[in-house]
Amino acid sequence: MTSAKPSRSARIKNPLLFQGWGTKKNYFEGWYYKFVDREHNIAFDAIPGISLNDDDPHCFIQLIDGIKCMSSYHRFDINDFKCNNKIHHVQIKGNRFSKEELILDLPEIQCELNTEVWNGLPNKWYRPEIMGLYSYIPTMQCNHGLGSMDHSWSGSLCLNQQDYAINKAKGYVEKDWGSSFPKSWIWRQCNSFDNQTDLSVFGTITHIQWMKQHFIGFLGAIYIDGEIEVFSTYTGAKRISHIRDNKVTVEYKHRKSPLIIEATQAEGAELISPISGTIRRKVNESLLAQVEITYKSKNNTIRAIGQNAGMELRGEIDELLTK
């Protein structure tokens, strides 16, 4: 790590920075990098992170090959974790993650990818990030940050000993940090739409443990034509959620611009999520889900179908659904 600790204010304003300065145990932090090529032949997640606990402190990189539905967990010594205290830049040995590049040097994948401009949320005092005013609360069990709703990757990629030249593949970045992942959650994300190049959606419903109480929280966002609209309790939005057969439908109602995300479940692979900073709980994530969205803006109604959507369902899902 770098030697100078950034202020709490600087970390709140830039959640992509490492947040765990001074923390020694019962803590995790991870960045989620998603990649989908234009032909839908390659879809993978690369998740660098750190686990601080008494039993097995270490850093790691998790990978999901979304097409083959396979995952891997690469463990590194805690001292291999390096980060910058002013800009987002994480390095684990020869693997680098930043706004400018994604460099991986692992047995199943090697890549040198450069990016164009990320599309993240503008920073405002009442919403320094996607969690709104909750960003200022230091005792949240799990915090969420939105890095980029949509950007493109270009460069070279070797996956499972096969070489690819990458030109404007789809990218998405988010992160989580805290002591534990929630007890239950529903999560969907997609920015690979056939007829819409500047379109991305994200949505989650979560059991949130805070002190000795809990509540059901939700976040939704749509990026379209260079603008991001957020749907959450703090924006005055409401949500309706239900599951029928293998389809999860969530409707976010906000003023006159409702957003409906209908995601069809698909085969996935196992990731490992944290409990009290220890990476040990399994969760299945698919990168083969299909998403159908309907969004009513001021001027028109947009309907689109997306492929290679990320999707996770974990825990007691019934408590996250509306009656």
Protein backbone atom coordinates (compact mmCIF):
# COMPACT_ATOMS: atom_id res chain seq x y z
CA MET A 1 0.00 0.00 0.00
CA THR A 2 1.02 3.61 -0.28
CA SER A 3 2.28 5.21 2.91
CA ALA A 4 0.01 8.26 3.12
CA LYS A 5 -3.53 7.56 4.24
CA PRO A 6 -6.16 9.55 2.29
CA SER A 7 -8.70 11.46 4.38
CA ARG A 8 -12.12 9.97 5.03
CA SER A 9 -13.64 12.82 3.01
CA ALA A 10 -11.44 11.96 0.01
CA ARG A 11 -12.42 8.28 0.26
CA ILE A 12 -16.13 9.10 0.46
CA LYS A 13 -15.89 11.26 -2.63
CA ASN A 14 -13.94 8.59 -4.50
CA PRO A 15 -15.17 5.15 -3.39
CA LEU A 16 -12.93 3.42 -5.92
CA LEU A 17 -9.99 4.29 -3.66
CA PHE A 18 -8.99 1.67 -1.12
CA GLN A 19 -11.26 2.25 1.88
CA GLY A 20 -9.71 -0.05 4.47
CA TRP A 21 -6.84 2.09 5.73
CA GLY A 22 -6.04 1.24 9.37
CA THR A 23 -8.28 -1.84 9.36
CA LYS A 24 -6.60 -5.05 10.46
CA LYS A 25 -9.34 -7.69 10.76
CA ASN A 26 -12.93 -8.62 9.87
CA TYR A 27 -12.73 -6.59 6.68
CA PHE A 28 -12.97 -7.20 2.95
CA GLU A 29 -12.77 -5.04 -0.13
CA GLY A 30 -13.19 -6.04 -3.76
CA TRP A 31 -13.45 -4.41 -7.18
CA TYR A 32 -15.62 -6.00 -9.87
CA TYR A 33 -14.42 -5.71 -13.49
CA LYS A 34 -16.77 -7.10 -16.13
CA PHE A 35 -15.81 -7.68 -19.78
CA VAL A 36 -18.01 -8.75 -22.74
CA ASP A 37 -16.74 -8.68 -26.31
CA ARG A 38 -18.86 -7.35 -29.19
CA GLU A 39 -19.47 -10.80 -30.66
CA HIS A 40 -20.57 -12.29 -27.29
CA ASN A 41 -17.89 -14.97 -27.57
CA ILE A 42 -16.05 -13.84 -24.43
CA ALA A 43 -17.54 -12.80 -21.11
CA PHE A 44 -15.57 -12.73 -17.89
CA ASP A 45 -15.33 -11.08 -14.48
CA ALA A 46 -12.05 -10.23 -12.81
CA ILE A 47 -12.38 -9.40 -9.11
CA PRO A 48 -9.28 -8.21 -7.25
CA GLY A 49 -9.68 -7.91 -3.51
CA ILE A 50 -8.30 -8.15 -0.02
CA SER A 51 -9.39 -10.21 3.02
CA LEU A 52 -8.27 -9.06 6.48
CA ASN A 53 -8.90 -11.51 9.30
CA ASP A 54 -7.04 -13.34 12.07
CA ASP A 55 -6.95 -16.74 10.38
CA ASP A 56 -5.94 -16.09 6.79
CA PRO A 57 -5.19 -12.50 5.77
CA HIS A 58 -4.45 -12.38 2.04
CA CYS A 59 -5.29 -10.70 -1.23
CA PHE A 60 -6.86 -12.45 -4.19
CA ILE A 61 -8.17 -12.32 -7.75
CA GLN A 62 -11.35 -14.22 -8.57
CA LEU A 63 -12.22 -15.01 -12.18
CA ILE A 64 -15.41 -16.15 -13.87
CA ASP A 65 -15.41 -17.43 -17.42
CA GLY A 66 -19.05 -16.65 -18.15
CA ILE A 67 -19.24 -18.63 -21.38
CA LYS A 68 -17.80 -21.85 -19.96
CA CYS A 69 -19.43 -21.25 -16.54
CA MET A 70 -16.15 -21.85 -14.73
CA SER A 71 -14.49 -19.91 -11.93
CA SER A 72 -11.11 -19.78 -10.22
CA TYR A 73 -9.68 -18.22 -7.06
CA HIS A 74 -6.08 -17.01 -7.08
CA ARG A 75 -4.63 -16.38 -3.62
CA PHE A 76 -1.70 -14.01 -3.01
CA ASP A 77 0.34 -12.90 -0.02
CA ILE A 78 -1.10 -9.83 1.74
CA ASN A 79 2.06 -7.90 0.90
CA ASP A 80 1.38 -8.33 -2.82
CA PHE A 81 -1.51 -5.87 -2.55
CA LYS A 82 -0.55 -2.34 -3.66
CA CYS A 83 -2.81 0.68 -4.12
CA ASN A 84 -2.64 4.39 -4.80
CA ASN A 85 -3.97 6.87 -2.25
CA LYS A 86 -5.07 9.54 -4.77
CA ILE A 87 -6.38 7.72 -7.84
CA HIS A 88 -7.89 4.30 -8.43
CA HIS A 89 -5.00 1.96 -9.10
CA VAL A 90 -4.79 -1.51 -7.58
CA GLN A 91 -1.92 -3.92 -8.24
CA ILE A 92 -1.54 -7.55 -7.18
CA LYS A 93 1.81 -8.78 -8.42
CA GLY A 94 1.71 -8.44 -12.23
CA ASN A 95 -2.01 -7.71 -12.36
CA ARG A 96 -3.14 -4.08 -12.57
CA PHE A 97 -6.59 -2.52 -12.32
CA SER A 98 -7.31 1.16 -12.98
CA LYS A 99 -9.46 3.54 -15.01
CA GLU A 100 -6.93 3.41 -17.82
CA GLU A 101 -6.01 -0.26 -18.05
CA LEU A 102 -6.79 -3.83 -17.13
CA ILE A 103 -3.69 -6.05 -17.10
CA LEU A 104 -3.97 -9.70 -16.11
CA ASP A 105 -1.21 -12.28 -15.90
CA LEU A 106 -2.80 -15.47 -14.60
CA PRO A 107 -2.60 -19.09 -15.77
CA GLU A 108 -5.88 -19.04 -17.71
CA ILE A 109 -5.86 -15.44 -18.89
CA GLN A 110 -3.36 -12.79 -19.93
CA CYS A 111 -4.47 -9.41 -21.25
CA GLU A 112 -3.40 -5.84 -21.80
CA LEU A 113 -6.53 -3.77 -22.26
CA ASN A 114 -6.90 -0.01 -22.43
CA THR A 115 -10.10 1.87 -21.87
CA GLU A 116 -11.89 4.94 -23.08
CA VAL A 117 -13.64 7.30 -20.66
CA TRP A 118 -15.55 5.67 -17.81
CA ASN A 119 -19.15 6.72 -17.27
CA GLY A 120 -19.71 7.02 -13.53
CA LEU A 121 -21.91 9.10 -11.28
CA PRO A 122 -21.13 12.81 -10.90
CA ASN A 123 -20.09 13.60 -7.33
CA LYS A 124 -22.60 15.67 -5.33
CA TRP A 125 -22.68 16.43 -1.60
CA TYR A 126 -26.01 14.61 -1.10
CA ARG A 127 -24.88 11.75 -3.33
CA PRO A 128 -21.13 11.31 -3.28
CA GLU A 129 -21.81 7.91 -4.79
CA ILE A 130 -24.58 5.41 -5.58
CA MET A 131 -25.46 4.91 -1.87
CA GLY A 132 -26.41 8.57 -1.45
CA LEU A 133 -26.29 9.88 2.12
CA TYR A 134 -25.63 6.35 3.38
CA SER A 135 -22.10 6.87 2.06
CA TYR A 136 -21.41 9.00 5.15
CA ILE A 137 -22.32 6.25 7.63
CA PRO A 138 -19.14 4.44 8.77
CA THR A 139 -20.87 1.42 10.35
CA MET A 140 -22.57 -0.16 7.34
CA GLN A 141 -22.06 -3.91 7.10
CA CYS A 142 -21.51 -3.70 3.34
CA ASN A 143 -20.91 -0.63 1.17
CA HIS A 144 -21.39 -0.42 -2.58
CA GLY A 145 -19.63 1.78 -5.11
CA LEU A 146 -20.35 2.32 -8.80
CA GLY A 147 -17.24 2.79 -10.89
CA SER A 148 -18.45 2.86 -14.48
CA MET A 149 -21.83 1.99 -15.93
CA ASP A 150 -20.36 1.66 -19.40
CA HIS A 151 -17.02 1.98 -21.17
CA SER A 152 -15.05 0.13 -23.84
CA TRP A 153 -11.93 -2.04 -23.72
CA SER A 154 -9.44 -2.49 -26.56
CA GLY A 155 -6.15 -4.36 -26.73
CA SER A 156 -4.87 -7.93 -26.62
CA LEU A 157 -6.31 -10.92 -24.79
CA CYS A 158 -5.23 -14.54 -24.43
CA LEU A 159 -7.90 -16.72 -22.81
CA ASN A 160 -7.28 -20.43 -22.30
CA GLN A 161 -4.30 -20.25 -24.70
CA GLN A 162 -6.34 -18.66 -27.49
CA ASP A 163 -5.40 -15.17 -28.69
CA TYR A 164 -7.89 -12.40 -29.45
CA ALA A 165 -7.61 -8.85 -30.76
CA ILE A 166 -10.11 -6.80 -28.78
CA ASN A 167 -11.80 -3.71 -30.20
CA LYS A 168 -14.34 -1.80 -28.14
CA ALA A 169 -15.52 -4.61 -25.90
CA LYS A 170 -18.04 -3.66 -23.22
CA GLY A 171 -16.82 -2.85 -19.72
CA TYR A 172 -18.52 -2.31 -16.36
CA VAL A 173 -16.97 -1.71 -12.90
CA GLU A 174 -18.37 -1.65 -9.36
CA LYS A 175 -17.06 -2.53 -5.89
CA ASP A 176 -18.01 -3.60 -2.36
CA TRP A 177 -16.32 -3.24 1.02
CA GLY A 178 -17.10 -3.74 4.70
CA SER A 179 -17.25 -6.67 7.10
CA SER A 180 -19.65 -9.08 5.35
CA PHE A 181 -21.83 -9.45 2.32
CA PRO A 182 -25.55 -9.20 3.12
CA LYS A 183 -27.68 -12.08 4.29
CA SER A 184 -29.59 -12.09 1.00
CA TRP A 185 -29.62 -10.15 -2.25
CA ILE A 186 -30.79 -9.97 -5.87
CA TRP A 187 -28.37 -8.36 -8.34
CA ARG A 188 -28.55 -7.81 -12.12
CA GLN A 189 -26.36 -5.85 -14.53
CA CYS A 190 -26.24 -5.55 -18.31
CA ASN A 191 -24.68 -3.21 -20.86
CA SER A 192 -24.59 -5.52 -23.90
CA PHE A 193 -27.67 -4.54 -25.87
CA ASP A 194 -27.86 -5.40 -29.56
CA ASN A 195 -29.41 -2.18 -30.84
CA GLN A 196 -28.32 0.28 -28.14
CA THR A 197 -24.64 1.18 -27.80
CA ASP A 198 -24.96 3.72 -24.96
CA LEU A 199 -27.24 1.79 -22.64
CA SER A 200 -26.51 0.10 -19.32
CA VAL A 201 -28.66 -0.98 -16.37
CA PHE A 202 -27.85 -2.09 -12.85
CA GLY A 203 -30.15 -3.10 -10.02
CA THR A 204 -29.98 -4.72 -6.61
CA ILE A 205 -32.31 -5.49 -3.71
CA THR A 206 -30.57 -6.27 -0.43
CA HIS A 207 -31.16 -7.31 3.17
CA ILE A 208 -29.22 -4.59 5.00
CA GLN A 209 -27.98 -5.25 8.53
CA TRP A 210 -27.34 -2.02 10.41
CA MET A 211 -26.41 -2.14 14.10
CA LYS A 212 -29.02 -4.45 15.69
CA GLN A 213 -31.71 -3.88 13.09
CA HIS A 214 -32.21 -4.58 9.42
CA PHE A 215 -34.19 -3.27 6.47
CA ILE A 216 -34.64 -4.06 2.79
CA GLY A 217 -32.81 -1.58 0.59
CA PHE A 218 -32.69 -1.24 -3.15
CA LEU A 219 -30.69 0.52 -5.83
CA GLY A 220 -31.29 0.81 -9.54
CA ALA A 221 -29.62 2.86 -12.24
CA ILE A 222 -29.83 3.34 -15.98
CA TYR A 223 -27.17 4.93 -18.17
CA ILE A 224 -28.45 6.23 -21.49
CA ASP A 225 -27.18 8.88 -23.89
CA GLY A 226 -24.49 10.02 -21.46
CA GLU A 227 -26.81 10.45 -18.45
CA ILE A 228 -27.36 8.28 -15.37
CA GLU A 229 -30.65 8.15 -13.48
CA VAL A 230 -30.67 6.54 -10.03
CA PHE A 231 -33.65 4.81 -8.41
CA SER A 232 -33.50 4.35 -4.64
CA THR A 233 -35.30 5.11 -1.42
CA TYR A 234 -33.27 8.31 -1.04
CA THR A 235 -34.44 9.53 -4.49
CA GLY A 236 -38.08 8.97 -3.58
CA ALA A 237 -38.39 5.86 -5.76
CA LYS A 238 -40.41 2.76 -4.97
CA ARG A 239 -39.99 -0.77 -6.28
CA ILE A 240 -42.09 -3.82 -7.06
CA SER A 241 -40.28 -7.15 -7.27
CA HIS A 242 -41.40 -10.70 -7.97
CA ILE A 243 -40.19 -14.02 -9.38
CA ARG A 244 -42.19 -16.23 -11.73
CA ASP A 245 -40.64 -19.44 -13.03
CA ASN A 246 -37.05 -18.45 -13.83
CA LYS A 247 -37.68 -14.73 -14.39
CA VAL A 248 -36.92 -12.02 -11.86
CA THR A 249 -38.82 -8.78 -12.50
CA VAL A 250 -38.20 -5.53 -10.69
CA GLU A 251 -40.02 -2.29 -11.45
CA TYR A 252 -38.51 0.92 -10.13
CA LYS A 253 -41.05 3.75 -9.97
CA HIS A 254 -39.70 7.26 -9.86
CA ARG A 255 -41.61 10.35 -10.91
CA LYS A 256 -42.56 9.90 -14.57
CA SER A 257 -39.59 7.73 -15.58
CA PRO A 258 -40.21 4.14 -14.44
CA LEU A 259 -37.65 1.43 -15.15
CA ILE A 260 -38.55 -2.27 -15.47
CA ILE A 261 -35.79 -4.90 -15.49
CA GLU A 262 -36.83 -8.48 -16.27
CA ALA A 263 -33.94 -10.92 -15.99
CA THR A 264 -34.04 -14.59 -17.02
CA GLN A 265 -31.84 -16.85 -14.94
CA ALA A 266 -29.14 -18.97 -16.60
CA GLU A 267 -26.26 -21.28 -15.76
CA GLY A 268 -23.43 -19.73 -13.77
CA ALA A 269 -20.32 -20.44 -11.72
CA GLU A 270 -19.39 -20.20 -8.05
CA LEU A 271 -17.81 -17.14 -6.49
CA ILE A 272 -16.73 -16.92 -2.87
CA SER A 273 -18.07 -14.02 -0.80
CA PRO A 274 -16.98 -12.65 2.60
CA ILE A 275 -18.28 -13.20 6.12
CA SER A 276 -16.53 -11.12 8.82
CA GLY A 277 -13.76 -10.41 6.36
CA THR A 278 -13.14 -14.10 5.63
CA ILE A 279 -13.79 -15.24 2.05
CA ARG A 280 -15.71 -18.47 2.57
CA ARG A 281 -19.39 -18.22 1.52
CA LYS A 282 -20.36 -19.46 -1.94
CA VAL A 283 -22.62 -17.62 -4.36
CA ASN A 284 -23.56 -18.50 -7.92
CA GLU A 285 -23.18 -15.82 -10.58
CA SER A 286 -24.26 -16.10 -14.19
CA LEU A 287 -22.95 -14.08 -17.13
CA LEU A 288 -25.41 -15.76 -19.48
CA ALA A 289 -28.61 -14.20 -18.16
CA GLN A 290 -30.87 -12.31 -20.54
CA VAL A 291 -32.33 -8.94 -19.60
CA GLU A 292 -35.34 -7.16 -21.03
CA ILE A 293 -35.82 -3.54 -20.00
CA THR A 294 -38.52 -0.95 -20.41
CA TYR A 295 -37.72 2.67 -19.60
CA LYS A 296 -40.06 5.60 -20.03
CA SER A 297 -38.21 8.89 -20.31
CA LYS A 298 -39.66 12.34 -20.88
CA ASN A 299 -39.54 11.97 -24.65
CA ASN A 300 -40.01 8.32 -25.48
CA THR A 301 -40.21 4.72 -24.29
CA ILE A 302 -37.17 2.49 -24.70
CA ARG A 303 -37.45 -1.27 -24.89
CA ALA A 304 -34.32 -3.35 -25.31
CA ILE A 305 -33.06 -6.91 -24.86
CA GLY A 306 -29.56 -7.49 -23.52
CA GLN A 307 -27.27 -10.53 -23.50
CA ASN A 308 -24.49 -11.68 -21.17
CA ALA A 309 -26.12 -10.03 -18.18
CA GLY A 310 -24.62 -10.58 -14.76
CA MET A 311 -27.05 -12.06 -12.25
CA GLU A 312 -26.89 -13.26 -8.64
CA LEU A 313 -29.59 -14.52 -6.24
CA ARG A 314 -28.45 -15.40 -2.73
CA GLY A 315 -30.10 -16.22 0.58
CA GLU A 316 -33.76 -15.93 1.56
CA ILE A 317 -35.03 -14.29 -1.61
CA ASP A 318 -38.68 -14.23 -0.50
CA GLU A 319 -37.99 -11.42 1.98
CA LEU A 320 -36.78 -9.24 -0.91
CA LEU A 321 -40.00 -9.61 -2.91
CA THR A 322 -43.06 -7.40 -2.65
CA LYS A 323 -46.33 -8.99 -1.65
